[in-house]
N, C-alpha and C. Protein backbone atom coordinates (compact mmCIF):
# COMPACT_ATOMS: atom_id res chain seq x y z
N MET A 1 0.85 -1.18 0.00
CA MET A 1 0.00 0.00 0.00
C MET A 1 0.89 1.23 0.00
N SER A 2 0.65 2.13 -0.94
CA SER A 2 1.45 3.37 -1.00
C SER A 2 1.02 4.33 0.11
N SER A 3 1.84 5.33 0.36
CA SER A 3 1.48 6.32 1.38
C SER A 3 0.22 7.08 0.99
N THR A 4 0.01 7.32 -0.31
CA THR A 4 -1.21 7.99 -0.76
C THR A 4 -2.43 7.12 -0.50
N GLU A 5 -2.32 5.82 -0.79
CA GLU A 5 -3.43 4.90 -0.54
C GLU A 5 -3.73 4.80 0.96
N LEU A 6 -2.67 4.78 1.78
CA LEU A 6 -2.85 4.73 3.22
C LEU A 6 -3.56 5.99 3.72
N LEU A 7 -3.13 7.15 3.26
CA LEU A 7 -3.77 8.39 3.66
C LEU A 7 -5.24 8.39 3.26
N TYR A 8 -5.55 7.92 2.05
CA TYR A 8 -6.93 7.87 1.58
C TYR A 8 -7.77 6.95 2.47
N GLU A 9 -7.22 5.80 2.84
CA GLU A 9 -7.95 4.89 3.73
C GLU A 9 -8.19 5.55 5.09
N LEU A 10 -7.20 6.29 5.59
CA LEU A 10 -7.34 6.96 6.88
C LEU A 10 -8.41 8.05 6.86
N VAL A 11 -8.42 8.88 5.82
CA VAL A 11 -9.38 10.00 5.81
C VAL A 11 -10.80 9.51 5.55
N LYS A 12 -10.96 8.30 5.04
CA LYS A 12 -12.31 7.76 4.83
C LYS A 12 -12.94 7.28 6.14
N ILE A 13 -12.14 7.08 7.17
CA ILE A 13 -12.65 6.56 8.45
C ILE A 13 -13.17 7.72 9.29
N PRO A 14 -14.46 7.72 9.63
CA PRO A 14 -14.99 8.79 10.51
C PRO A 14 -14.27 8.74 11.85
N SER A 15 -13.70 9.87 12.26
CA SER A 15 -12.92 9.87 13.50
C SER A 15 -12.94 11.24 14.17
N THR A 16 -14.14 11.79 14.35
CA THR A 16 -14.24 13.06 15.04
C THR A 16 -13.89 12.85 16.52
N SER A 17 -13.63 13.94 17.23
CA SER A 17 -13.23 13.86 18.64
C SER A 17 -14.19 12.99 19.44
N THR A 18 -13.63 12.14 20.26
CA THR A 18 -14.29 11.13 21.10
C THR A 18 -14.82 9.93 20.31
N ASN A 19 -14.61 9.89 19.01
CA ASN A 19 -15.05 8.77 18.17
C ASN A 19 -13.89 8.21 17.35
N GLU A 20 -12.77 7.97 18.02
CA GLU A 20 -11.56 7.53 17.31
C GLU A 20 -11.33 6.02 17.34
N ARG A 21 -12.25 5.25 17.88
CA ARG A 21 -12.02 3.80 18.04
C ARG A 21 -11.73 3.11 16.72
N GLU A 22 -12.54 3.35 15.69
CA GLU A 22 -12.36 2.66 14.41
C GLU A 22 -11.00 2.97 13.79
N ILE A 23 -10.59 4.23 13.81
CA ILE A 23 -9.30 4.59 13.20
C ILE A 23 -8.13 4.05 14.04
N SER A 24 -8.31 3.99 15.36
CA SER A 24 -7.22 3.46 16.19
C SER A 24 -7.06 1.95 15.95
N ILE A 25 -8.15 1.23 15.72
CA ILE A 25 -8.07 -0.20 15.39
C ILE A 25 -7.39 -0.38 14.04
N PHE A 26 -7.75 0.44 13.06
CA PHE A 26 -7.12 0.38 11.73
C PHE A 26 -5.61 0.59 11.85
N LEU A 27 -5.20 1.64 12.57
CA LEU A 27 -3.78 1.93 12.73
C LEU A 27 -3.06 0.85 13.53
N GLU A 28 -3.71 0.34 14.56
CA GLU A 28 -3.09 -0.73 15.35
C GLU A 28 -2.78 -1.92 14.45
N ASN A 29 -3.72 -2.32 13.61
CA ASN A 29 -3.50 -3.44 12.70
C ASN A 29 -2.36 -3.17 11.73
N LYS A 30 -2.27 -1.95 11.20
CA LYS A 30 -1.18 -1.60 10.28
C LYS A 30 0.16 -1.67 10.99
N LEU A 31 0.23 -1.16 12.22
CA LEU A 31 1.49 -1.16 12.97
C LEU A 31 1.92 -2.57 13.35
N VAL A 32 0.97 -3.42 13.72
CA VAL A 32 1.28 -4.82 14.02
C VAL A 32 1.82 -5.51 12.77
N ASP A 33 1.21 -5.20 11.61
CA ASP A 33 1.70 -5.76 10.34
C ASP A 33 3.16 -5.37 10.07
N LEU A 34 3.58 -4.21 10.59
CA LEU A 34 4.96 -3.75 10.43
C LEU A 34 5.90 -4.36 11.48
N GLY A 35 5.34 -5.18 12.36
CA GLY A 35 6.17 -5.85 13.36
C GLY A 35 6.24 -5.14 14.70
N MET A 36 5.37 -4.16 14.92
CA MET A 36 5.41 -3.42 16.19
C MET A 36 4.61 -4.13 17.26
N GLU A 37 5.07 -3.98 18.50
CA GLU A 37 4.35 -4.45 19.68
C GLU A 37 3.51 -3.26 20.14
N ILE A 38 2.19 -3.43 20.25
CA ILE A 38 1.30 -2.32 20.54
C ILE A 38 0.70 -2.46 21.93
N THR A 39 0.72 -1.36 22.68
CA THR A 39 -0.01 -1.25 23.94
C THR A 39 -1.10 -0.22 23.71
N ARG A 40 -2.32 -0.56 24.08
CA ARG A 40 -3.47 0.33 23.88
C ARG A 40 -3.90 0.90 25.23
N ILE A 41 -4.13 2.21 25.26
CA ILE A 41 -4.70 2.89 26.42
C ILE A 41 -5.88 3.69 25.86
N GLY A 42 -7.08 3.14 26.01
CA GLY A 42 -8.25 3.74 25.36
C GLY A 42 -8.06 3.66 23.86
N ASN A 43 -8.10 4.80 23.20
CA ASN A 43 -7.85 4.85 21.75
C ASN A 43 -6.43 5.29 21.43
N SER A 44 -5.61 5.48 22.45
CA SER A 44 -4.22 5.85 22.24
C SER A 44 -3.38 4.60 22.05
N LEU A 45 -2.38 4.69 21.19
CA LEU A 45 -1.52 3.55 20.88
C LEU A 45 -0.08 3.87 21.24
N ILE A 46 0.58 2.91 21.86
CA ILE A 46 2.01 2.99 22.12
C ILE A 46 2.63 1.82 21.38
N GLY A 47 3.52 2.10 20.44
CA GLY A 47 4.13 1.06 19.64
C GLY A 47 5.62 0.94 19.93
N LYS A 48 6.10 -0.30 20.00
CA LYS A 48 7.52 -0.57 20.20
C LYS A 48 8.00 -1.44 19.05
N LEU A 49 9.16 -1.11 18.55
CA LEU A 49 9.79 -1.89 17.49
C LEU A 49 11.25 -2.08 17.86
N GLY A 50 11.64 -3.30 18.11
CA GLY A 50 13.02 -3.56 18.50
C GLY A 50 13.25 -3.26 19.97
N ARG A 51 14.54 -3.27 20.34
CA ARG A 51 14.93 -3.04 21.74
C ARG A 51 16.13 -2.10 21.78
N GLY A 52 16.30 -1.45 22.91
CA GLY A 52 17.47 -0.61 23.11
C GLY A 52 17.37 0.74 22.44
N ARG A 53 18.51 1.29 22.11
CA ARG A 53 18.58 2.63 21.54
C ARG A 53 18.93 2.56 20.06
N PRO A 54 18.63 3.51 19.24
CA PRO A 54 18.03 4.79 19.57
C PRO A 54 16.53 4.66 19.81
N ILE A 55 15.98 5.67 20.48
CA ILE A 55 14.55 5.73 20.77
C ILE A 55 13.95 6.87 19.97
N LEU A 56 12.84 6.61 19.32
CA LEU A 56 12.13 7.61 18.53
C LEU A 56 10.69 7.64 18.99
N MET A 57 10.16 8.84 19.25
CA MET A 57 8.77 8.98 19.65
C MET A 57 8.04 9.80 18.61
N LEU A 58 6.93 9.25 18.12
CA LEU A 58 6.04 9.98 17.22
C LEU A 58 4.77 10.24 18.00
N CYS A 59 4.37 11.48 18.10
CA CYS A 59 3.21 11.84 18.90
C CYS A 59 2.23 12.61 18.01
N GLY A 60 0.98 12.22 18.03
CA GLY A 60 -0.01 12.90 17.20
C GLY A 60 -1.39 12.64 17.75
N HIS A 61 -2.39 12.93 16.94
CA HIS A 61 -3.76 12.70 17.36
C HIS A 61 -4.51 11.99 16.24
N LEU A 62 -5.57 11.29 16.59
CA LEU A 62 -6.31 10.49 15.63
C LEU A 62 -7.60 11.16 15.15
N ASP A 63 -8.11 12.12 15.91
CA ASP A 63 -9.37 12.72 15.50
C ASP A 63 -9.17 13.63 14.29
N THR A 64 -10.22 13.77 13.51
CA THR A 64 -10.16 14.57 12.29
C THR A 64 -11.28 15.59 12.27
N VAL A 65 -11.13 16.56 11.39
CA VAL A 65 -12.17 17.54 11.14
C VAL A 65 -13.19 16.89 10.22
N THR A 66 -14.45 17.11 10.48
CA THR A 66 -15.50 16.55 9.63
C THR A 66 -15.39 17.14 8.23
N PHE A 67 -15.54 16.30 7.22
CA PHE A 67 -15.52 16.78 5.84
C PHE A 67 -16.64 16.10 5.07
N LEU A 68 -16.95 16.62 3.90
CA LEU A 68 -18.07 16.12 3.12
C LEU A 68 -17.73 14.85 2.35
N SER A 69 -16.60 14.84 1.65
CA SER A 69 -16.22 13.67 0.88
C SER A 69 -14.74 13.71 0.55
N ALA A 70 -14.19 12.53 0.24
CA ALA A 70 -12.79 12.43 -0.17
C ALA A 70 -12.72 11.53 -1.38
N SER A 71 -11.75 11.80 -2.24
CA SER A 71 -11.54 10.93 -3.40
C SER A 71 -10.05 10.85 -3.69
N ASN A 72 -9.66 9.76 -4.33
CA ASN A 72 -8.26 9.54 -4.70
C ASN A 72 -8.20 9.61 -6.22
N LYS A 73 -7.74 10.76 -6.73
CA LYS A 73 -7.69 10.98 -8.17
C LYS A 73 -6.24 11.10 -8.61
N ARG A 74 -5.83 10.20 -9.49
CA ARG A 74 -4.47 10.25 -10.05
C ARG A 74 -3.41 10.30 -8.96
N GLY A 75 -3.64 9.59 -7.86
CA GLY A 75 -2.66 9.56 -6.79
C GLY A 75 -2.66 10.79 -5.91
N GLU A 76 -3.69 11.64 -6.02
CA GLU A 76 -3.82 12.83 -5.19
C GLU A 76 -5.07 12.71 -4.35
N ILE A 77 -4.98 13.03 -3.07
CA ILE A 77 -6.15 13.01 -2.20
C ILE A 77 -6.83 14.37 -2.28
N VAL A 78 -8.11 14.35 -2.62
CA VAL A 78 -8.90 15.58 -2.76
C VAL A 78 -10.12 15.45 -1.86
N TRP A 79 -10.39 16.45 -1.03
CA TRP A 79 -11.59 16.38 -0.20
C TRP A 79 -12.23 17.74 -0.06
N GLU A 80 -13.51 17.70 0.26
CA GLU A 80 -14.30 18.90 0.49
C GLU A 80 -14.63 18.96 1.97
N GLY A 81 -14.73 20.16 2.48
CA GLY A 81 -15.18 20.29 3.87
C GLY A 81 -14.34 21.22 4.66
């Protein structure tokens, strides 16, 4: 799956504030497929890959702004809203 296809799959999942369960499950499955060990706290995910150093932390949020529609045209994500 390309990064554009992954982004398109992510933006299609409804995930407004307090409704992030579906997108967190989707991401958890993708991270496990990459070989990560996942710890879940509510809808927050903590992923570990390997042991020791170096340590890298990626911090973000899963909720999105509501939009009307999204489409994947010629490898470009286009949405309204």
